[in-house]
Amino acid sequence: MTLITEAVAPPAAAAPGRVQVSRGPWATAFRKLRQDKAAMTALGVLVLIVVVCLMAPLYATYVSKTDPFSSNLSGTITVNGEDVAVMQAETEGLGLGTTPIGPTYTGAYFFGADTQGRDVMARLLYGGQNSLLIAGSSTVLTLVLAGLVGIVAGFFGGWVDIVLSRLLDIMWAFPVFLLAISLSIVTISHGLVIGPITISSDSLLLPILIIGLIFIPYVARPIRGQVLQLKRSEFVLAAIGLGVPQRRILVVDILPNVASTLIVFAPLTMALNMITESSLSFLSIGVQSPAASWGTIIEDGQGLLYTRPLVAVLPGIAVVITVVALNVFGDGVRDALDPRAKLRVKD
């Protein structure tokens, strides 16, 4: 294994009479990120997914003209000038059952209907809203709490570090999905009561809180280790020696250096949170009916895999595309913010 160091050309001499303005670290990182074509393409895909999902009310109101959250077993639609039942009679076997209408690719029921006669396209868009909302909100919760725990434990040390580290160890001891499933099962039946605050079992706050909490140890530990290194650095030791208040050291010296690490964690954590949310919703312990998410739509389409596979396949594809885009964009953010990205390992 050979370590290759990319040569960096010396900066060109400034022209006479022209003042050369140095770029700050954030401006340099942003410039590097913009030059990463893969990361920018992934960001474009993410923006497109968000914009399309936000158009769900417009599609349901003006195109589908159906309620994606209520059954439509006896409804009909017009296809090529003919009235067609949303739930069509079975043509195989004894012909006793019904099959949802397939993709029309023209306006209403563009991707067909599910077992309740609901427009799959409309539910896919609304489900995307909930999946993105839960994944994004839980990511913010994870990063805020993990950053707080990691900074406090690493900077203050002593019994504070011992208590917080042991709490993280307890959470770390549980497999992440087992912990998420256990918390979801406990809270899904009766909701969650925290003092005067009551969160109902069908509220999106439940999966946001559960998913946001279970990933805290995976972010807090690296943050704690970075803070321990920063605490031993010369500029922090000098500030402590000069009697600078701890609050100022945390805000001016520690937090800006930790912020880049939290930003790198953001897209990668959101990808994990989206997979976790889809898994919980698929098991019926995440987003609750009649609300939709990509995980619930996959669960709804289990019984239609042989007749209407798009009901289950489309949300699965949406999850895959979103998670891949988040990971590619996260890699670009990491390379842009990591000053050691110029060191590459070649086999």
Protein backbone atom coordinates (compact mmCIF):
# COMPACT_ATOMS: atom_id res chain seq x y z
CA MET A 1 0.00 0.00 0.00
CA THR A 2 1.55 3.30 -1.13
CA LEU A 3 0.73 6.68 0.31
CA ILE A 4 0.58 9.31 -2.44
CA THR A 5 0.68 12.98 -1.60
CA GLU A 6 -0.69 15.28 -4.26
CA ALA A 7 1.63 18.15 -5.03
CA VAL A 8 0.12 21.55 -4.51
CA ALA A 9 1.34 24.27 -6.84
CA PRO A 10 2.65 27.42 -5.13
CA PRO A 11 0.32 30.39 -5.33
CA ALA A 12 0.94 32.71 -8.23
CA ALA A 13 2.53 36.02 -7.42
CA ALA A 14 0.11 38.86 -7.15
CA ALA A 15 0.25 41.48 -9.89
CA PRO A 16 1.87 44.79 -8.95
CA GLY A 17 -0.61 47.16 -7.37
CA ARG A 18 -3.18 44.42 -6.76
CA VAL A 19 -4.04 43.29 -3.23
CA GLN A 20 -4.43 39.49 -2.91
CA VAL A 21 -7.32 38.64 -0.62
CA SER A 22 -6.93 35.34 1.24
CA ARG A 23 -9.87 32.99 1.39
CA GLY A 24 -11.24 31.85 4.72
CA PRO A 25 -11.53 28.13 5.51
CA TRP A 26 -15.30 28.09 4.95
CA ALA A 27 -15.01 29.88 1.60
CA THR A 28 -12.27 27.48 0.53
CA ALA A 29 -14.36 24.46 1.55
CA PHE A 30 -17.40 25.81 -0.32
CA ARG A 31 -15.30 26.37 -3.43
CA LYS A 32 -13.97 22.81 -3.26
CA LEU A 33 -17.48 21.47 -2.81
CA ARG A 34 -18.73 23.38 -5.86
CA GLN A 35 -15.92 21.85 -7.92
CA ASP A 36 -16.98 18.32 -6.94
CA LYS A 37 -19.27 17.31 -9.81
CA ALA A 38 -20.53 14.16 -8.11
CA ALA A 39 -21.49 16.03 -4.94
CA MET A 40 -23.21 18.80 -6.90
CA THR A 41 -25.13 16.26 -8.96
CA ALA A 42 -26.24 14.50 -5.78
CA LEU A 43 -27.31 17.83 -4.29
CA GLY A 44 -29.32 18.56 -7.43
CA VAL A 45 -31.07 15.20 -7.12
CA LEU A 46 -31.90 15.90 -3.48
CA VAL A 47 -33.29 19.34 -4.28
CA LEU A 48 -35.38 17.84 -7.10
CA ILE A 49 -36.80 15.17 -4.76
CA VAL A 50 -37.71 17.78 -2.15
CA VAL A 51 -39.37 20.07 -4.70
CA VAL A 52 -41.37 17.23 -6.27
CA CYS A 53 -42.56 15.99 -2.87
CA LEU A 54 -43.64 19.50 -1.89
CA MET A 55 -45.92 19.51 -4.94
CA ALA A 56 -48.03 16.69 -3.44
CA PRO A 57 -51.02 18.96 -2.56
CA LEU A 58 -51.05 20.36 -6.10
CA TYR A 59 -51.06 16.88 -7.63
CA ALA A 60 -53.78 15.58 -5.31
CA THR A 61 -55.98 18.67 -5.79
CA TYR A 62 -55.66 19.48 -9.48
CA VAL A 63 -54.44 16.25 -11.16
CA SER A 64 -55.57 13.22 -9.20
CA LYS A 65 -58.56 14.99 -7.61
CA THR A 66 -58.75 12.28 -4.95
CA ASP A 67 -58.01 12.08 -1.24
CA PRO A 68 -54.86 9.94 -0.88
CA PHE A 69 -55.68 9.24 2.79
CA SER A 70 -59.18 7.75 2.42
CA SER A 71 -60.40 4.55 0.74
CA ASN A 72 -61.90 4.73 -2.72
CA LEU A 73 -63.02 1.15 -3.25
CA SER A 74 -66.12 2.01 -5.26
CA GLY A 75 -64.74 4.94 -7.22
CA THR A 76 -64.36 5.27 -10.99
CA ILE A 77 -62.10 7.34 -13.24
CA THR A 78 -62.17 8.26 -16.89
CA VAL A 79 -59.44 6.70 -19.02
CA ASN A 80 -59.40 7.35 -22.77
CA GLY A 81 -63.00 8.53 -22.63
CA GLU A 82 -64.28 5.46 -20.75
CA ASP A 83 -65.32 5.12 -17.10
CA VAL A 84 -63.11 2.54 -15.41
CA ALA A 85 -63.52 1.19 -11.89
CA VAL A 86 -60.62 1.88 -9.53
CA MET A 87 -60.97 -1.64 -8.09
CA GLN A 88 -61.41 -4.05 -11.00
CA ALA A 89 -62.82 -7.57 -10.84
CA GLU A 90 -60.35 -10.47 -10.85
CA THR A 91 -59.99 -12.22 -14.20
CA GLU A 92 -58.00 -15.20 -12.92
CA GLY A 93 -59.13 -18.20 -10.86
CA LEU A 94 -62.70 -17.98 -9.60
CA GLY A 95 -62.87 -14.25 -10.28
CA LEU A 96 -64.15 -13.45 -6.80
CA GLY A 97 -61.66 -10.81 -5.77
CA THR A 98 -60.67 -7.36 -6.99
CA THR A 99 -57.43 -5.88 -8.26
CA PRO A 100 -56.47 -2.18 -8.08
CA ILE A 101 -56.26 -0.37 -11.39
CA GLY A 102 -52.81 -0.36 -12.91
CA PRO A 103 -50.78 2.66 -14.06
CA THR A 104 -52.70 4.96 -16.39
CA TYR A 105 -49.71 7.26 -17.10
CA THR A 106 -52.25 10.00 -17.80
CA GLY A 107 -53.18 12.33 -14.95
CA ALA A 108 -55.11 10.61 -12.17
CA TYR A 109 -53.74 7.31 -10.87
CA PHE A 110 -50.55 7.81 -12.85
CA PHE A 111 -48.96 4.79 -11.10
CA GLY A 112 -52.24 3.04 -10.35
CA ALA A 113 -54.00 2.40 -7.05
CA ASP A 114 -53.25 0.43 -3.89
CA THR A 115 -55.46 -2.10 -2.12
CA GLN A 116 -57.63 0.72 -0.70
CA GLY A 117 -58.17 2.40 -4.06
CA ARG A 118 -55.87 5.31 -3.20
CA ASP A 119 -53.70 7.05 -5.80
CA VAL A 120 -50.18 5.62 -5.50
CA MET A 121 -48.56 8.70 -7.02
CA ALA A 122 -50.25 11.03 -4.55
CA ARG A 123 -49.32 8.84 -1.60
CA LEU A 124 -45.76 8.55 -2.91
CA LEU A 125 -45.39 12.34 -2.89
CA TYR A 126 -47.03 12.79 0.53
CA GLY A 127 -45.01 9.85 1.85
CA GLY A 128 -41.85 11.53 0.62
CA GLN A 129 -42.75 14.64 2.59
CA ASN A 130 -43.08 12.66 5.81
CA SER A 131 -39.97 10.56 5.20
CA LEU A 132 -37.85 13.63 4.48
CA LEU A 133 -39.36 15.53 7.41
CA ILE A 134 -38.71 12.72 9.87
CA ALA A 135 -35.20 12.02 8.58
CA GLY A 136 -34.24 15.70 8.52
CA SER A 137 -35.74 16.59 11.90
CA SER A 138 -34.27 13.54 13.64
CA THR A 139 -30.88 14.39 12.11
CA VAL A 140 -31.01 17.89 13.59
CA LEU A 141 -32.00 16.41 16.95
CA THR A 142 -29.17 13.88 16.82
CA LEU A 143 -26.51 16.44 15.89
CA VAL A 144 -27.63 19.00 18.49
CA LEU A 145 -27.80 16.54 21.39
CA ALA A 146 -24.70 14.59 20.32
CA GLY A 147 -22.73 17.81 19.86
CA LEU A 148 -23.81 19.06 23.28
CA VAL A 149 -22.99 15.76 25.02
CA GLY A 150 -19.65 15.37 23.21
CA ILE A 151 -18.50 18.93 23.90
CA VAL A 152 -19.51 18.89 27.57
CA ALA A 153 -17.98 15.46 28.21
CA GLY A 154 -14.74 16.22 26.41
CA PHE A 155 -14.19 19.73 27.73
CA PHE A 156 -15.15 19.42 31.39
CA GLY A 157 -13.93 15.84 31.94
CA GLY A 158 -13.97 14.37 35.44
CA TRP A 159 -17.21 12.98 36.78
CA VAL A 160 -19.17 14.77 34.03
CA ASP A 161 -17.27 12.83 31.39
CA ILE A 162 -17.65 9.58 33.33
CA VAL A 163 -21.43 9.91 33.70
CA LEU A 164 -22.07 10.95 30.10
CA SER A 165 -19.68 8.34 28.68
CA ARG A 166 -21.35 5.54 30.65
CA LEU A 167 -24.77 6.66 29.42
CA LEU A 168 -23.45 6.54 25.87
CA ASP A 169 -22.01 3.08 26.53
CA ILE A 170 -25.41 1.83 27.69
CA MET A 171 -27.06 3.10 24.51
CA TRP A 172 -24.18 1.74 22.44
CA ALA A 173 -24.69 -1.74 23.92
CA PHE A 174 -28.07 -2.10 22.17
CA PRO A 175 -28.18 -2.90 18.45
CA VAL A 176 -29.52 0.24 16.84
CA PHE A 177 -32.54 -1.34 15.12
CA LEU A 178 -33.42 -3.43 18.17
CA LEU A 179 -33.39 -0.30 20.32
CA ALA A 180 -35.52 1.59 17.78
CA ILE A 181 -38.04 -1.24 17.51
CA SER A 182 -38.26 -1.62 21.29
CA LEU A 183 -38.86 2.09 21.87
CA SER A 184 -41.40 2.22 19.05
CA ILE A 185 -43.39 -0.75 20.37
CA VAL A 186 -43.48 0.72 23.88
CA THR A 187 -44.68 4.16 22.74
CA ILE A 188 -46.85 3.27 19.76
CA SER A 189 -49.75 1.87 21.80
CA HIS A 190 -50.23 4.64 24.38
CA GLY A 191 -48.18 7.50 23.00
CA LEU A 192 -45.55 9.30 25.08
CA VAL A 193 -46.16 11.41 28.17
CA ILE A 194 -43.35 13.72 29.33
CA GLY A 195 -44.64 15.71 32.29
CA PRO A 196 -47.38 18.03 31.00
CA ILE A 197 -46.53 17.17 27.38
CA THR A 198 -48.42 14.32 25.71
CA ILE A 199 -47.46 13.02 22.27
CA SER A 200 -50.11 10.86 20.60
CA SER A 201 -49.18 7.55 18.99
CA ASP A 202 -50.01 8.82 15.48
CA SER A 203 -47.84 11.95 15.80
CA LEU A 204 -44.74 12.27 13.62
CA LEU A 205 -42.91 13.53 16.71
CA LEU A 206 -42.63 9.96 18.02
CA PRO A 207 -40.47 8.56 15.20
CA ILE A 208 -38.52 11.83 15.13
CA LEU A 209 -37.66 11.52 18.85
CA ILE A 210 -36.92 7.80 18.71
CA ILE A 211 -34.70 7.95 15.64
CA GLY A 212 -33.02 11.14 16.83
CA LEU A 213 -32.07 9.56 20.16
CA ILE A 214 -30.75 6.16 19.06
CA PHE A 215 -27.94 7.59 16.91
CA ILE A 216 -26.58 10.01 19.52
CA PRO A 217 -23.69 7.72 20.67
CA TYR A 218 -22.45 7.28 17.10
CA VAL A 219 -21.95 11.04 16.73
CA ALA A 220 -21.18 12.05 20.33
CA ARG A 221 -18.14 9.75 20.67
CA PRO A 222 -16.18 11.25 17.73
CA ILE A 223 -17.10 14.76 18.90
CA ARG A 224 -15.86 13.97 22.43
CA GLY A 225 -12.57 12.65 21.04
CA GLN A 226 -12.09 15.78 18.92
CA VAL A 227 -12.81 18.05 21.89
CA LEU A 228 -10.23 16.16 23.96
CA GLN A 229 -7.65 16.84 21.26
CA LEU A 230 -8.63 20.49 21.00
CA LYS A 231 -8.44 20.89 24.78
CA ARG A 232 -4.76 19.87 24.62
CA SER A 233 -3.97 22.18 21.70
CA GLU A 234 -1.72 25.19 22.15
CA PHE A 235 -4.30 27.89 21.46
CA VAL A 236 -6.78 26.45 23.99
CA LEU A 237 -4.05 25.96 26.63
CA ALA A 238 -2.94 29.54 26.02
CA ALA A 239 -6.50 30.82 26.46
CA ILE A 240 -6.86 28.85 29.69
CA GLY A 241 -3.52 30.20 30.92
CA LEU A 242 -4.61 33.78 30.20
CA GLY A 243 -7.73 33.24 32.30
CA VAL A 244 -10.22 33.40 29.45
CA PRO A 245 -13.68 32.32 30.71
CA GLN A 246 -14.67 28.77 29.85
CA ARG A 247 -17.81 29.97 28.10
CA ARG A 248 -15.77 32.09 25.71
CA ILE A 249 -13.35 29.22 25.03
CA LEU A 250 -16.26 26.92 24.21
CA VAL A 251 -17.92 29.43 21.88
CA VAL A 252 -14.85 30.90 20.19
CA ASP A 253 -12.31 28.04 20.16
CA ILE A 254 -14.12 24.71 20.53
CA LEU A 255 -17.47 25.08 18.78
CA PRO A 256 -16.18 26.45 15.42
CA ASN A 257 -13.72 23.55 15.15
CA VAL A 258 -16.40 20.98 16.01
CA ALA A 259 -18.97 22.53 13.66
CA SER A 260 -17.23 21.19 10.54
CA THR A 261 -17.39 17.65 11.93
CA LEU A 262 -21.11 17.99 12.70
CA ILE A 263 -21.72 19.28 9.15
CA VAL A 264 -19.92 16.25 7.73
CA PHE A 265 -22.10 13.97 9.86
CA ALA A 266 -25.34 15.67 8.72
CA PRO A 267 -25.99 14.04 5.30
CA LEU A 268 -24.64 10.65 6.37
CA THR A 269 -26.77 10.64 9.53
CA MET A 270 -29.83 11.69 7.53
CA ALA A 271 -29.31 8.72 5.19
CA LEU A 272 -29.21 6.34 8.18
CA ASN A 273 -32.27 8.00 9.70
CA MET A 274 -34.23 7.62 6.46
CA ILE A 275 -33.44 3.90 6.30
CA THR A 276 -34.42 3.52 9.96
CA GLU A 277 -37.71 5.39 9.46
CA SER A 278 -38.59 3.30 6.41
CA SER A 279 -37.83 0.11 8.34
CA LEU A 280 -39.98 1.11 11.32
CA SER A 281 -42.86 2.22 9.09
CA PHE A 282 -42.63 -1.01 7.10
CA LEU A 283 -43.07 -2.87 10.40
CA SER A 284 -46.10 -0.68 11.22
CA ILE A 285 -44.38 0.87 14.23
CA GLY A 286 -43.32 4.12 12.58
CA VAL A 287 -45.67 6.45 10.70
CA GLN A 288 -49.23 5.41 11.45
CA SER A 289 -52.19 5.19 9.06
CA PRO A 290 -53.77 7.13 7.45
CA ALA A 291 -50.54 9.13 7.16
CA ALA A 292 -48.03 7.81 4.64
CA SER A 293 -44.29 7.43 4.33
CA TRP A 294 -42.20 5.49 1.85
CA GLY A 295 -41.95 2.66 4.37
CA THR A 296 -45.72 2.39 4.87
CA ILE A 297 -46.32 2.38 1.11
CA ILE A 298 -43.87 -0.51 0.70
CA GLU A 299 -45.80 -2.39 3.40
CA ASP A 300 -49.10 -1.60 1.64
CA GLY A 301 -47.77 -3.07 -1.59
CA GLN A 302 -46.63 -6.42 -0.17
CA GLY A 303 -49.78 -8.20 -1.28
CA LEU A 304 -49.60 -6.70 -4.77
CA LEU A 305 -46.07 -7.73 -5.71
CA TYR A 306 -47.29 -10.17 -8.36
CA THR A 307 -50.12 -8.04 -9.79
CA ARG A 308 -49.20 -4.38 -9.16
CA PRO A 309 -45.48 -4.42 -8.20
CA LEU A 310 -45.05 -0.67 -8.70
CA VAL A 311 -46.94 0.00 -5.44
CA ALA A 312 -44.04 -1.49 -3.46
CA VAL A 313 -41.18 -0.96 -5.91
CA LEU A 314 -41.56 2.81 -6.44
CA PRO A 315 -41.14 3.88 -2.78
CA GLY A 316 -38.23 1.45 -2.48
CA ILE A 317 -36.56 3.09 -5.47
CA ALA A 318 -37.23 6.52 -3.95
CA VAL A 319 -35.52 5.48 -0.70
CA VAL A 320 -32.52 4.06 -2.57
CA ILE A 321 -32.06 7.16 -4.75
CA THR A 322 -32.36 9.52 -1.78
CA VAL A 323 -29.97 7.54 0.42
CA VAL A 324 -27.37 7.19 -2.37
CA ALA A 325 -27.59 10.93 -3.11
CA LEU A 326 -27.14 11.75 0.58
CA ASN A 327 -24.09 9.50 0.84
CA VAL A 328 -22.47 10.92 -2.31
CA PHE A 329 -23.14 14.48 -1.16
CA GLY A 330 -21.84 13.58 2.31
CA ASP A 331 -18.60 12.29 0.81
CA GLY A 332 -18.20 15.57 -1.06
CA VAL A 333 -18.80 17.59 2.10
CA ARG A 334 -16.26 15.48 3.98
CA ASP A 335 -13.61 15.96 1.29
CA ALA A 336 -14.25 19.70 1.19
CA LEU A 337 -14.06 20.23 4.95
CA ASP A 338 -11.25 17.76 5.70
CA PRO A 339 -7.82 19.39 5.15
CA ARG A 340 -6.29 15.90 4.94
CA ALA A 341 -8.34 15.02 1.86
CA LYS A 342 -5.22 15.60 -0.28
CA LEU A 343 -3.73 12.43 1.15
CA ARG A 344 -5.02 9.46 -0.82
CA VAL A 345 -4.29 5.80 -0.29
CA LYS A 346 -3.59 3.69 -3.36
CA ASP A 347 -3.36 -0.12 -3.33
